[in-house]
Amino acid sequence: MHGPTAEKQMYLINHSWIYVQVVSDEARAMYNGGQAGLTYWSPNVNIFRDPRWGRGQETPGEDPTLAAKYAASYVQGLQGDGAGNRLKVAACCKHYTAYDLDNWNGVDRFHFNAKVSKQDLEDTYDVPFKACVLEGQVASVMCSYNQVNGKPTCADPDLLRNTIRGQWRLNGYIVSDCDSVGVFYNHQHYTRTPEEAAAEAIKAGLDLDCGPFLAIHTDAAIRKGLISENDLNLALANLITVQMRLGMFDGEPSAQPYGNLGPRDVCTPAHQQLALQAARESIVLLQNKRNSLPLSPARIRTVGVIGPNSDATVTMIGNYAGVACGYTSPLQGIARYVKTSHQVGCRNVACMGNELFGAAEIVAKQVDATVLVMGLDQSIEAETRDRLGLLLPGLQQELVARVARAARGPVILVIMSGGPVDVTFAVNDPKISAILWVGYPGQAGGTAIADVIFGQTNPGGRLPMTWYPENYLAKVPMTVMDMRPNSATGYPGRTYRFYKGPVVFPFGHGLSYSRFSHSLAIAPKEVSVSVPLALTNSTLSSEAVRVSHASCDDTLEMEFHVDVKNEGSMDGTHTLLVFSKPPPGKWSQIKQLVNFQKTHVPAGSKQRLKVAVHVCKHLSVVDQFGIRRIPSGEHELHIGDIKHSISVQTVQQIKN
């Protein structure tokens, strides 16, 4: 079963444990049949920092809170309920840390030194990994190819032994990305000898090398006294413990938990229906001029289906995917509703010639409506392949404009891609009625696209990343890791949290065929943070309390009751986004997502959501030293379209 790739699913992050539970069912079934293992190096929880990154399609997007919630849910769904310290399968959160450049402008991931501030590590890059370990209880973390501040991540004891295993207390093993140890010896020349490389990695806390390097050189490292046999035994213990938790030493698999799963549990109708549901829920309606969508099959009898992705199949499952149960392409999905006329317009997404444009224009002139399925595929964005720009490749934009000009009916532009695309031209084209982003929607993508276009499904997806204009790229080299803007250099900052310039579509954007309104039923207005008297002087910095000094218990979790009303005539799902903004002052420019919740609301009715906001976790900021603090004063919450103030005060805690 193949559903939509990870970053499309703000919906799935609320429900991802259900989705991934099915994945782990099928994984166990394949294992029982001798067709698979039980360790899965997934999920990729890196922050989608730069819109050009070829692997952004694997991630949950640009926001740390979103990525953290996704990470924990994904891991829990794969690994099971953890009863008796057992694992259904072993998940792995990758690539730790600050890894989001593959090959750009002559710099590749094997040679890149990511220069990252303590502030950005703490409040951006490390956030999802911390959630993986502390909340998800992941069985494995993978270190990355790149260096961070001059040290290979797989040879850095501060990152591995001190943070992952020390502070976060990983119950599992640490693995290298494939041949990372060889990379930091052969490509980065970090050590003089291969034995020193093996020793540095193991001493730093690495337990497993994906590749032959440690197998070849560890024995010599021990004989040279660079590490001890006990160092190796500790690494082996971490690996074997995970195998034990998976039940690998418990005898016949069929007699063990999940032993009943087999071929009949793969590609079941229920699983394929879930893939379809995931695709439907993750489609984002970016624009809908004059409420052009949904189309009515009663009035729209013929549809032209045009574009290089119009009959896509394998493209829809993105990268790191196995064999799908079966495909429904966009063309096939639309053909279930109406009569179709098909022209690709471009031979592939590179779209280097316009010799097929004329036939596409003829179709658009003849049909009642036109659907253009454009975008990218793995030839444009992939592992080892970062994008050069944000515009549609080749002559795709010209094809869209010419077909729209020729069309006699509404024109729907569907973008199939992992990363954002600058479609400003389409936003401004009066002939283009609506724009959908479908990501790489999985095996049932064509059905889901058609269901949204014809109103069988009311779209409710939201963008997990900012869609920037093309000219943004000139100001942000991929090699600059800073999240925050720098007015002295003209650097504009990254992601919605720090970049305040023009966008094509903002983070969190997504329309519906319904209109939703919000009202606060219960909303706390003030909260007190207790700090021990002995720490009062040392803990305050510009009226901001260190989180580590505050009494961060359940009393600091506030619950908001929010009524969501569907004002429209169609049932729909709505994602309530909650952002926080610190008090006026040095941190006041920061606006960050702190929680989100999705609910299904029938037409004309109302649903009450309970949303938690924890002072320490959600109202804190990180200073330039990497210390998380809670600013005192009036914090502003953006709860949907409502703004609500909370007064945070510090009080001295006097112990008897």
Foldseek 3Di string as FASTA:
>chain_A
DFFFAQQLFLVCLQVVLVLLLLVLLVQLQCVLVVNHDQEEADDELFAQWDLQFLCLLNHNYHALQSSQSSLLSNLCSNFDPCVVPAGSGAYEYDEPWPDGAAAPPHDGQLAFEFEDFLQCCQRGTCRNVLSNCQRNLGAEYEYENYHYPPHRLLLALCNAVCPRCNVSNRQHAYEYDACSLVSCCVPVVVDVDLLLSLLSNLVSGHLYYNYCSCVPRPVVNCVVVSDHVVSNVVSVVRHVVNCVSHVVVVPNLLVDVSNVRHPCSPPDPVSVVVSLVSLLASKFWFAAAPVQPQDACVVFAEEEQEAQQQFPAPQLSAPPDDDAPAAQGLVNQQVVRHHYDYDHQAPHQLRADRPRLVVLLVRQLPGQEYEYEHEDGSVARHRSHGHPWQARHHCPLVSLVSSLVSHPHEYEYEYEASGAHAPVVLVPDPSHRTYMYRYSGIRYNNNSVNCGNNVVAWHAHWRSWFAAHRVLPVQDDPSHSAQAADPVRRRQGTTPFHHDDDTSGHGGDGDTSWDKDKDWPDDAAEDEWEFAPVCVVVQDDQQWGFLVRTPQDPSQKDKTKMKMFTQGQAKHKYKKWKWKAADPDDRRSGIHTQDIDMDIHGHGGIDIDIDIDGQQRHQWRADSNSTIIHHAAWMWMCTPPDIGIHGYHYDHDYDD
